[in-house]
Amino acid sequence: MEKDLIEYIAKSLVEDPSSVKVNAVDGEKSMILELEVAPDDIGKVIGKHGRIAKAIRTLLQAAAMKSEKHVVLEILD
């Protein structure tokens, strides 16, 4: 569910939605979501001073409350 949420948000923000890739690395009590976008779109996902990235992480934490796992979002360049 969290992976789909991140993919949906990222595709809504970028110019090239086909380049959005989300990889989930699942552990016992945590999950790492790796977001990869086109080099030209990285600024749109991070935002000024990281505001958009912080907002995405906040939404992700709220969505992860049901699964009771700690979810981390990494934006790869």
Protein backbone atom coordinates (compact mmCIF):
# COMPACT_ATOMS: atom_id res chain seq x y z
CA MET A 1 0.00 0.00 0.00
CA GLU A 2 2.77 2.43 0.93
CA LYS A 3 4.65 1.65 -2.28
CA ASP A 4 1.57 2.46 -4.37
CA LEU A 5 1.07 5.72 -2.48
CA ILE A 6 4.62 6.91 -3.12
CA GLU A 7 4.40 5.90 -6.77
CA TYR A 8 1.12 7.79 -7.22
CA ILE A 9 2.41 10.96 -5.55
CA ALA A 10 5.70 10.92 -7.47
CA LYS A 11 4.00 10.37 -10.82
CA SER A 12 1.72 13.31 -10.08
CA LEU A 13 4.67 15.62 -9.43
CA VAL A 14 7.12 14.83 -12.23
CA GLU A 15 7.24 15.68 -15.94
CA ASP A 16 8.13 12.11 -16.98
CA PRO A 17 5.88 9.68 -15.02
CA SER A 18 7.23 6.66 -16.91
CA SER A 19 10.63 7.10 -15.26
CA VAL A 20 9.26 6.77 -11.70
CA LYS A 21 10.40 3.57 -9.98
CA VAL A 22 9.73 2.57 -6.39
CA ASN A 23 11.63 -0.35 -4.87
CA ALA A 24 10.59 -1.77 -1.51
CA VAL A 25 13.17 -3.40 0.76
CA ASP A 26 11.22 -5.18 3.48
CA GLY A 27 12.61 -6.08 6.90
CA GLU A 28 11.10 -7.51 10.09
CA LYS A 29 10.03 -4.26 11.68
CA SER A 30 10.87 -1.74 8.98
CA MET A 31 10.56 -1.07 5.28
CA ILE A 32 12.74 1.09 3.07
CA LEU A 33 11.16 2.59 -0.03
CA GLU A 34 13.65 3.74 -2.66
CA LEU A 35 12.25 6.32 -5.06
CA GLU A 36 14.00 6.85 -8.37
CA VAL A 37 12.97 9.53 -10.86
CA ALA A 38 14.51 11.13 -13.95
CA PRO A 39 17.45 13.46 -13.21
CA ASP A 40 15.47 16.46 -14.46
CA ASP A 41 12.60 15.70 -12.06
CA ILE A 42 14.58 15.20 -8.84
CA GLY A 43 14.07 18.84 -7.82
CA LYS A 44 10.32 18.56 -8.19
CA VAL A 45 10.20 15.59 -5.83
CA ILE A 46 12.49 17.19 -3.23
CA GLY A 47 11.18 20.76 -3.45
CA LYS A 48 12.69 23.94 -2.05
CA HIS A 49 14.55 23.22 1.16
CA GLY A 50 13.15 19.67 1.08
CA ARG A 51 9.58 20.72 1.83
CA ILE A 52 7.90 18.39 -0.67
CA ALA A 53 10.05 15.43 0.39
CA LYS A 54 9.18 16.12 4.02
CA ALA A 55 5.47 16.28 3.18
CA ILE A 56 5.67 12.98 1.29
CA ARG A 57 7.43 11.36 4.25
CA THR A 58 4.73 12.67 6.61
CA LEU A 59 1.99 11.15 4.44
CA LEU A 60 3.96 7.91 4.28
CA GLN A 61 4.23 7.71 8.07
CA ALA A 62 0.48 8.28 8.42
CA ALA A 63 -0.25 5.52 5.89
CA ALA A 64 2.15 3.13 7.62
CA MET A 65 0.39 3.38 10.99
CA LYS A 66 -1.89 0.45 10.10
CA SER A 67 0.96 -1.90 9.28
CA GLU A 68 2.83 -0.96 12.49
CA LYS A 69 6.12 -0.86 10.60
CA HIS A 70 8.68 1.90 10.48
CA VAL A 71 8.80 3.12 6.87
CA VAL A 72 11.70 5.14 5.46
CA LEU A 73 11.69 6.93 2.11
CA GLU A 74 14.99 7.32 0.28
CA ILE A 75 15.09 9.49 -2.81
CA LEU A 76 17.85 8.22 -5.09
CA ASP A 77 19.69 10.51 -7.47
